[in-house]
C-alpha atoms as a PDB file:
ATOM      1  CA  MET A   1     -30.735 -95.593 -56.637  1.00  0.00           C
ATOM      2  CA  LYS A   2     -29.604 -92.283 -54.868  1.00  0.00           C
ATOM      3  CA  GLN A   3     -31.924 -92.906 -51.832  1.00  0.00           C
ATOM      4  CA  LYS A   4     -30.710 -96.814 -51.846  1.00  0.00           C
ATOM      5  CA  ARG A   5     -27.168 -95.313 -51.320  1.00  0.00           C
ATOM      6  CA  LEU A   6     -28.430 -93.003 -48.377  1.00  0.00           C
ATOM      7  CA  ASN A   7     -29.926 -96.174 -46.609  1.00  0.00           C
ATOM      8  CA  LYS A   8     -26.893 -98.330 -47.028  1.00  0.00           C
ATOM      9  CA  LEU A   9     -24.441 -94.948 -45.555  1.00  0.00           C
ATOM     10  CA  TYR A  10     -27.095 -94.698 -42.653  1.00  0.00           C
ATOM     11  CA  ALA A  11     -26.696 -98.616 -42.201  1.00  0.00           C
ATOM     12  CA  THR A  12     -23.096 -98.386 -42.047  1.00  0.00           C
ATOM     13  CA  GLY A  13     -22.906 -95.465 -39.770  1.00  0.00           C
ATOM     14  CA  VAL A  14     -25.407 -97.185 -37.267  1.00  0.00           C
ATOM     15  CA  PHE A  15     -23.295-100.301 -37.617  1.00  0.00           C
ATOM     16  CA  PHE A  16     -19.993 -98.490 -36.538  1.00  0.00           C
ATOM     17  CA  SER A  17     -21.666 -96.508 -33.789  1.00  0.00           C
ATOM     18  CA  PHE A  18     -22.556 -99.542 -32.171  1.00  0.00           C
ATOM     19  CA  ILE A  19     -19.202-101.515 -32.179  1.00  0.00           C
ATOM     20  CA  GLY A  20     -17.814 -98.147 -30.654  1.00  0.00           C
ATOM     21  CA  LEU A  21     -20.415 -98.098 -28.138  1.00  0.00           C
ATOM     22  CA  VAL A  22     -19.393-101.564 -27.363  1.00  0.00           C
ATOM     23  CA  LEU A  23     -15.602-101.048 -27.266  1.00  0.00           C
ATOM     24  CA  ILE A  24     -16.255 -98.049 -24.841  1.00  0.00           C
ATOM     25  CA  ILE A  25     -18.719-100.441 -22.218  1.00  0.00           C
ATOM     26  CA  GLY A  26     -15.851-102.903 -22.670  1.00  0.00           C
ATOM     27  CA  LEU A  27     -13.161-100.335 -21.716  1.00  0.00           C
ATOM     28  CA  PHE A  28     -15.252 -99.160 -18.957  1.00  0.00           C
ATOM     29  CA  LEU A  29     -15.681-102.257 -17.134  1.00  0.00           C
ATOM     30  CA  LYS A  30     -12.226-103.381 -17.254  1.00  0.00           C
ATOM     31  CA  LYS A  31     -10.883-100.294 -15.275  1.00  0.00           C
ATOM     32  CA  SER A  32     -13.667-100.875 -13.003  1.00  0.00           C
ATOM     33  CA  ASN A  33     -12.671-104.453 -11.980  1.00  0.00           C
ATOM     34  CA  ILE A  34     -16.694-105.233 -11.833  1.00  0.00           C
ATOM     35  CA  PHE A  35     -15.485-109.015 -13.376  1.00  0.00           C
ATOM     36  CA  ASP A  36     -12.436-109.221 -11.590  1.00  0.00           C
ATOM     37  CA  LYS A  37     -12.611-112.074  -8.936  1.00  0.00           C
ATOM     38  CA  ASN A  38      -9.644-111.192  -7.070  1.00  0.00           C
ATOM     39  CA  PRO A  39      -8.928-107.422  -7.314  1.00  0.00           C
ATOM     40  CA  GLN A  40      -5.962-105.615  -5.925  1.00  0.00           C
ATOM     41  CA  ALA A  41      -6.028-103.736  -2.447  1.00  0.00           C
ATOM     42  CA  VAL A  42      -6.195-100.258  -2.958  1.00  0.00           C
ATOM     43  CA  PRO A  43      -5.270 -97.831  -0.180  1.00  0.00           C
ATOM     44  CA  LEU A  44      -8.234 -95.978   1.626  1.00  0.00           C
ATOM     45  CA  THR A  45      -8.104 -92.265   1.078  1.00  0.00           C
ATOM     46  CA  ILE A  46      -7.851 -90.929   4.771  1.00  0.00           C
ATOM     47  CA  LYS A  47     -11.188 -88.763   5.266  1.00  0.00           C
ATOM     48  CA  GLN A  48     -11.150 -85.275   6.258  1.00  0.00           C
ATOM     49  CA  ASP A  49     -13.234 -85.994   9.577  1.00  0.00           C
ATOM     50  CA  GLN A  50     -10.401 -88.893  10.560  1.00  0.00           C
ATOM     51  CA  ILE A  51      -8.551 -87.868  13.957  1.00  0.00           C
ATOM     52  CA  PRO A  52      -5.048 -87.997  13.097  1.00  0.00           C
ATOM     53  CA  HIS A  53      -3.774 -88.210  16.702  1.00  0.00           C
ATOM     54  CA  MET A  54      -5.492 -89.121  19.729  1.00  0.00           C
ATOM     55  CA  ARG A  55      -4.604 -90.113  23.680  1.00  0.00           C
ATOM     56  CA  GLN A  56      -6.468 -91.827  26.648  1.00  0.00           C
ATOM     57  CA  VAL A  57      -5.643 -93.251  29.701  1.00  0.00           C
ATOM     58  CA  ILE A  58      -6.564 -96.647  30.705  1.00  0.00           C
ATOM     59  CA  SER A  59      -6.331 -98.094  33.927  1.00  0.00           C
ATOM     60  CA  SER A  60      -4.072-101.216  34.263  1.00  0.00           C
ATOM     61  CA  ALA A  61      -6.496-102.899  36.910  1.00  0.00           C
ATOM     62  CA  SER A  62     -10.128-102.452  34.807  1.00  0.00           C
ATOM     63  CA  GLY A  63      -8.476-102.286  31.778  1.00  0.00           C
ATOM     64  CA  GLY A  64     -10.736-100.621  28.914  1.00  0.00           C
ATOM     65  CA  LYS A  65     -11.226-100.251  25.569  1.00  0.00           C
ATOM     66  CA  PHE A  66      -9.489 -97.379  22.731  1.00  0.00           C
ATOM     67  CA  GLU A  67     -11.168 -96.269  19.675  1.00  0.00           C
ATOM     68  CA  VAL A  68     -10.538 -94.123  17.234  1.00  0.00           C
ATOM     69  CA  ASN A  69     -11.636 -93.737  13.167  1.00  0.00           C
ATOM     70  CA  ASN A  70     -11.833 -97.455  12.459  1.00  0.00           C
ATOM     71  CA  ILE A  71      -9.231 -98.488  15.246  1.00  0.00           C
ATOM     72  CA  GLY A  72      -9.738-100.361  18.173  1.00  0.00           C
ATOM     73  CA  VAL A  73      -8.183-101.937  20.945  1.00  0.00           C
ATOM     74  CA  ASP A  74      -9.285-104.092  23.748  1.00  0.00           C
ATOM     75  CA  LEU A  75      -6.747-103.748  26.985  1.00  0.00           C
ATOM     76  CA  PRO A  76      -7.940-106.612  29.166  1.00  0.00           C
ATOM     77  CA  ALA A  77      -7.642-105.905  33.200  1.00  0.00           C
ATOM     78  CA  GLY A  78      -3.871-106.682  34.507  1.00  0.00           C
ATOM     79  CA  PHE A  79      -2.853-105.956  30.726  1.00  0.00           C
ATOM     80  CA  THR A  80       0.208-103.764  32.236  1.00  0.00           C
ATOM     81  CA  ASN A  81       1.150-103.173  36.087  1.00  0.00           C
ATOM     82  CA  GLN A  82       0.092 -99.312  36.440  1.00  0.00           C
ATOM     83  CA  ASP A  83      -1.975 -96.717  34.274  1.00  0.00           C
ATOM     84  CA  VAL A  84      -1.187 -96.008  31.102  1.00  0.00           C
ATOM     85  CA  VAL A  85      -1.863 -92.962  28.355  1.00  0.00           C
ATOM     86  CA  ILE A  86      -2.375 -94.901  25.122  1.00  0.00           C
ATOM     87  CA  SER A  87      -1.798 -92.850  21.722  1.00  0.00           C
ATOM     88  CA  TYR A  88      -2.322 -93.041  18.406  1.00  0.00           C
ATOM     89  CA  SER A  89      -0.726 -91.278  15.424  1.00  0.00           C
ATOM     90  CA  GLN A  90      -1.476 -91.766  11.928  1.00  0.00           C
ATOM     91  CA  VAL A  91       1.890 -92.254   9.757  1.00  0.00           C
ATOM     92  CA  THR A  92       1.648 -90.369   6.265  1.00  0.00           C
ATOM     93  CA  GLY A  93       4.067 -89.438   3.784  1.00  0.00           C
ATOM     94  CA  ASN A  94       6.916 -91.825   2.366  1.00  0.00           C
ATOM     95  CA  LYS A  95       8.545 -92.344   5.497  1.00  0.00           C
ATOM     96  CA  VAL A  96       7.785 -95.994   5.946  1.00  0.00           C
ATOM     97  CA  LEU A  97       6.438 -97.924   2.762  1.00  0.00           C
ATOM     98  CA  ALA A  98       4.396-100.985   2.564  1.00  0.00           C
ATOM     99  CA  ASN A  99       3.085-102.509  -0.785  1.00  0.00           C
ATOM    100  CA  HIS A 100      -0.918-103.678  -1.080  1.00  0.00           C
ATOM    101  CA  GLN A 101      -1.619-101.286   1.972  1.00  0.00           C
ATOM    102  CA  VAL A 102      -5.543-101.066   3.038  1.00  0.00           C
ATOM    103  CA  GLY A 103      -5.897 -97.684   4.983  1.00  0.00           C
ATOM    104  CA  ALA A 104      -3.645 -95.964   6.782  1.00  0.00           C
ATOM    105  CA  MET A 105      -0.557 -96.921   8.729  1.00  0.00           C
ATOM    106  CA  PHE A 106      -0.880 -96.177  12.717  1.00  0.00           C
ATOM    107  CA  ASP A 107       1.637 -95.671  15.304  1.00  0.00           C
ATOM    108  CA  LEU A 108       0.426 -97.494  18.855  1.00  0.00           C
ATOM    109  CA  ARG A 109       2.483 -96.277  22.072  1.00  0.00           C
ATOM    110  CA  ALA A 110       1.850 -96.634  25.887  1.00  0.00           C
ATOM    111  CA  LYS A 111       3.469 -94.443  28.185  1.00  0.00           C
ATOM    112  CA  LYS A 112       3.482 -94.490  32.090  1.00  0.00           C
ATOM    113  CA  LEU A 113       0.962 -92.188  33.451  1.00  0.00           C
ATOM    114  CA  ASN A 114       2.520 -89.180  35.427  1.00  0.00           C
ATOM    115  CA  THR A 115       6.269 -89.609  34.083  1.00  0.00           C
ATOM    116  CA  SER A 116       8.246 -86.548  33.404  1.00  0.00           C
ATOM    117  CA  THR A 117       9.082 -85.616  29.401  1.00  0.00           C
ATOM    118  CA  VAL A 118      11.868 -83.311  28.207  1.00  0.00           C
ATOM    119  CA  PRO A 119      10.890 -81.241  24.996  1.00  0.00           C
ATOM    120  CA  GLY A 120      12.284 -82.855  21.738  1.00  0.00           C
ATOM    121  CA  GLN A 121      13.624 -86.006  23.887  1.00  0.00           C
ATOM    122  CA  VAL A 122      12.347 -89.571  24.235  1.00  0.00           C
ATOM    123  CA  ASN A 123      13.205 -91.664  26.872  1.00  0.00           C
ATOM    124  CA  PRO A 124      12.264 -95.246  26.551  1.00  0.00           C
ATOM    125  CA  GLU A 125      11.999 -95.951  30.224  1.00  0.00           C
ATOM    126  CA  ASN A 126       8.535 -94.230  30.391  1.00  0.00           C
ATOM    127  CA  TYR A 127       7.044 -96.603  27.891  1.00  0.00           C
ATOM    128  CA  ILE A 128       5.798-100.199  28.234  1.00  0.00           C
ATOM    129  CA  SER A 129       7.410-102.103  24.985  1.00  0.00           C
ATOM    130  CA  GLU A 130       5.813-105.411  26.174  1.00  0.00           C
ATOM    131  CA  PHE A 131       2.321-106.327  27.826  1.00  0.00           C
ATOM    132  CA  ASN A 132       1.387-108.530  30.852  1.00  0.00           C
ATOM    133  CA  LYS A 133      -1.624-110.172  28.674  1.00  0.00           C
ATOM    134  CA  ASP A 134      -2.218-110.094  24.658  1.00  0.00           C
ATOM    135  CA  LEU A 135      -4.191-106.754  23.636  1.00  0.00           C
ATOM    136  CA  THR A 136      -6.798-107.174  20.661  1.00  0.00           C
ATOM    137  CA  ILE A 137      -6.662-104.711  17.815  1.00  0.00           C
ATOM    138  CA  SER A 138      -9.885-104.472  15.745  1.00  0.00           C
ATOM    139  CA  VAL A 139     -10.159-102.883  12.062  1.00  0.00           C
ATOM    140  CA  SER A 140     -13.414-102.027  10.927  1.00  0.00           C
ATOM    141  CA  LEU A 141     -13.964-102.051   6.993  1.00  0.00           C
ATOM    142  CA  ASP A 142     -16.908-100.529   5.172  1.00  0.00           C
ATOM    143  CA  GLU A 143     -18.688-102.053   2.290  1.00  0.00           C
ATOM    144  CA  ASP A 144     -16.937-100.191  -0.653  1.00  0.00           C
ATOM    145  CA  LEU A 145     -13.327-101.266   0.692  1.00  0.00           C
ATOM    146  CA  LEU A 146     -14.701-104.858   1.504  1.00  0.00           C
ATOM    147  CA  ALA A 147     -15.559-105.015  -2.095  1.00  0.00           C
ATOM    148  CA  LYS A 148     -12.117-104.029  -3.024  1.00  0.00           C
ATOM    149  CA  VAL A 149      -9.738-106.159  -1.023  1.00  0.00           C
ATOM    150  CA  ASN A 150      -9.006-109.747  -1.208  1.00  0.00           C
ATOM    151  CA  LEU A 151     -10.563-110.927   2.769  1.00  0.00           C
ATOM    152  CA  ASN A 152      -8.302-114.457   1.952  1.00  0.00           C
ATOM    153  CA  LYS A 153      -4.998-112.261   2.327  1.00  0.00           C
ATOM    154  CA  LEU A 154      -6.136-109.355   4.257  1.00  0.00           C
ATOM    155  CA  SER A 155      -4.135-109.440   7.625  1.00  0.00           C
ATOM    156  CA  LEU A 156      -2.165-106.774  10.198  1.00  0.00           C
ATOM    157  CA  TYR A 157       1.565-106.483  10.122  1.00  0.00           C
ATOM    158  CA  TYR A 158       3.811-104.540  12.301  1.00  0.00           C
ATOM    159  CA  PHE A 159       7.186-103.011  11.340  1.00  0.00           C
ATOM    160  CA  ASP A 160      10.178-104.472  12.688  1.00  0.00           C
ATOM    161  CA  THR A 161      12.373-101.756  13.094  1.00  0.00           C
ATOM    162  CA  GLU A 162      15.528-103.904  13.196  1.00  0.00           C
ATOM    163  CA  ALA A 163      15.326-105.881  10.020  1.00  0.00           C
ATOM    164  CA  GLN A 164      13.495-102.994   8.278  1.00  0.00           C
ATOM    165  CA  ARG A 165      10.808-105.025   7.455  1.00  0.00           C
ATOM    166  CA  TRP A 166       6.943-105.863   8.047  1.00  0.00           C
ATOM    167  CA  GLU A 167       5.791-108.898  10.213  1.00  0.00           C
ATOM    168  CA  LYS A 168       2.621-110.351   9.670  1.00  0.00           C
ATOM    169  CA  VAL A 169       0.511-110.521  13.112  1.00  0.00           C
ATOM    170  CA  ASP A 170      -1.962-113.555  13.544  1.00  0.00           C
ATOM    171  CA  SER A 171      -5.191-112.079  12.191  1.00  0.00           C
ATOM    172  CA  GLU A 172      -9.013-113.112  11.418  1.00  0.00           C
ATOM    173  CA  PHE A 173     -11.959-111.483   9.660  1.00  0.00           C
ATOM    174  CA  ASN A 174     -15.413-111.416  11.177  1.00  0.00           C
ATOM    175  CA  SER A 175     -17.525-111.214   8.481  1.00  0.00           C
ATOM    176  CA  ASP A 176     -20.258-110.677  10.700  1.00  0.00           C
ATOM    177  CA  ALA A 177     -18.650-107.563  12.226  1.00  0.00           C
ATOM    178  CA  GLY A 178     -16.871-106.656   9.163  1.00  0.00           C
ATOM    179  CA  GLN A 179     -13.671-106.341  11.156  1.00  0.00           C
ATOM    180  CA  LEU A 180     -10.200-107.744  11.134  1.00  0.00           C
ATOM    181  CA  LEU A 181      -9.062-109.016  14.752  1.00  0.00           C
ATOM    182  CA  ALA A 182      -5.538-109.517  15.693  1.00  0.00           C
ATOM    183  CA  SER A 183      -3.735-110.239  18.856  1.00  0.00           C
ATOM    184  CA  VAL A 184      -0.661-108.389  19.917  1.00  0.00           C
ATOM    185  CA  ASP A 185       1.708-108.193  23.140  1.00  0.00           C
ATOM    186  CA  HIS A 186       3.430-104.805  22.014  1.00  0.00           C
ATOM    187  CA  PHE A 187       2.909-101.848  20.650  1.00  0.00           C
ATOM    188  CA  THR A 188       4.729-100.206  17.708  1.00  0.00           C
ATOM    189  CA  LEU A 189       3.842 -99.215  14.002  1.00  0.00           C
ATOM    190  CA  PHE A 190       0.825-101.245  12.240  1.00  0.00           C
ATOM    191  CA  VAL A 191      -0.569-101.554   8.641  1.00  0.00           C
ATOM    192  CA  LEU A 192      -3.189-103.624   7.311  1.00  0.00           C
ATOM    193  CA  ALA A 193      -2.466-105.348   4.412  1.00  0.00           C
ATOM    194  CA  ALA A 194      -3.674-107.404   1.333  1.00  0.00           C
ATOM    195  CA  GLY A 195      -0.792-109.155   0.361  1.00  0.00           C
ATOM    196  CA  ASP A 196       3.037-109.267   1.287  1.00  0.00           C
ATOM    197  CA  PRO A 197       3.638-105.284   2.006  1.00  0.00           C
ATOM    198  CA  ASN A 198       7.496-105.948   1.658  1.00  0.00           C
ATOM    199  CA  ALA A 199       6.888-106.909  -1.905  1.00  0.00           C
ATOM    200  CA  GLY A 200       8.681-105.253  -4.023  1.00  0.00           C
ATOM    201  CA  VAL A 201       9.547-102.314  -1.441  1.00  0.00           C
ATOM    202  CA  ASN A 202      12.962-100.644  -0.400  1.00  0.00           C
ATOM    203  CA  GLN A 203      12.795 -98.947   2.554  1.00  0.00           C
ATOM    204  CA  PRO A 204      13.838 -95.266   2.935  1.00  0.00           C
ATOM    205  CA  ALA A 205      17.405 -95.246   4.327  1.00  0.00           C
ATOM    206  CA  GLU A 206      18.211 -93.535   7.709  1.00  0.00           C
ATOM    207  CA  ASN A 207      14.567 -92.752   8.591  1.00  0.00           C
ATOM    208  CA  PHE A 208      13.672 -94.597  11.346  1.00  0.00           C
ATOM    209  CA  ILE A 209      15.605 -93.594  14.489  1.00  0.00           C
ATOM    210  CA  VAL A 210      13.553 -95.541  17.407  1.00  0.00           C
ATOM    211  CA  ASP A 211      12.795 -98.925  18.030  1.00  0.00           C
ATOM    212  CA  ASP A 212       9.305-100.776  19.665  1.00  0.00           C
ATOM    213  CA  GLN A 213      10.515 -99.300  23.138  1.00  0.00           C
ATOM    214  CA  ASP A 214      10.499 -96.005  22.505  1.00  0.00           C
ATOM    215  CA  GLY A 215       7.587 -93.253  22.126  1.00  0.00           C
ATOM    216  CA  PRO A 216       6.591 -90.748  19.677  1.00  0.00           C
ATOM    217  CA  PRO A 217       7.588 -89.080  17.404  1.00  0.00           C
ATOM    218  CA  ALA A 218       8.924 -92.299  15.809  1.00  0.00           C
ATOM    219  CA  PHE A 219      10.217 -90.857  12.511  1.00  0.00           C
ATOM    220  CA  VAL A 220      12.466 -87.798  11.211  1.00  0.00           C
ATOM    221  CA  GLN A 221      11.098 -85.589   8.954  1.00  0.00           C
END
């Protein structure tokens, strides 16, 4: 009799242990989005080996390729009338907000070569606001990030400083290269997003001090 009671208690313990294990596995799968066919975009953590700032001289006659981190810019010959210094800066913090953000915001500028500057001041005439030809921006995505975003909603956006909102840039995803390609005719602040970056976002007041014609620094602290 005593042995039967012990066997019954043992069977009951095994049963509830099994149920507990099933619940734990279920919570893990739900949290990891393994079965989520349309997962939310997850902002990519900026890796320590990424370059936050970079400058490169590009010839107006021959054009060229500007590359930094996972960003590439193809500049065709004759894209402008004079040689320029292309600058790239990552934008971090809460100076400008974006929903569904994928990766770091980045600011691109084209400064005329051999122009004088005054420390702490920005002269709009030293920068080119629009180009003679469209440029192609490419954003490379690794396999881990590709598994987390909805590629059907993925697009490049630029920040309209007057309207204080993000505007969509015509973009297409090259699955063979794992790159998003977008054509632009000017430089400003860009972000990659897998959804509307303006959704539910109120931009911080009085943080943006320049427009698309100005060069860095584009923000106040």
